[in-house]
Amino acid sequence: DKAPGMAGVARQAVADNALSERVSILDTLSTCMEAGTHLPARADLLVSETFGDDPLSESFLPSLAHARAHLLTPTARVVPGALRVYFTLVDSPDLLAVNFPPDPPLKGEDGFDFSAWGALSRTR
C-alpha cells in the first residue's frame, strides 16, 4: 500500500493474530515485485484491497495485469473476484468547478491563442 505506515500496521495485525509464521508483509508496490525475487514462487492467491471510493482508481487494473504476468500462477484465484460499478451522469457546473478549476488562458507570448488544444485535455 502507498499509505505511509500501512505495512507496520499490517505486520502488527498479523502478529496480534498469531499468523507471523504464515503471513509475510512486503513493504513495496506490487508492480515493483517479481516472483523468485520478492516471492519464493508464483502465488496461487491474490487478496487485494485496492479500492477507494473509485474502484478503478489506485491503478488497480494495471496492478492486476502485472500480478497476473509476474506474480501469480495461471490458475491463481483473485479476491475479490468481480467488480460491479454503478454510475450516473451528472451535469453540474458547480461540481465541475470544484474538480477541475478553470485553466489559465493558453496564449503565447506573441498573442497566439492555443486554447483550441484545451479540447484534448485529459482533465476535462
Foldseek 3Di string as FASTA:
>chain_A
DPDPPPLVVVCVVCVVVVNPVPDDGDPDQLLVDADVPPHVHADQEAEDDQDDPHRPPNVVVVSVVSSCVGHHDVNHAYPVNDDDDDDDDDDDPVVCCVQPPDDDFDADPVGRGPCVCVVVDPSD
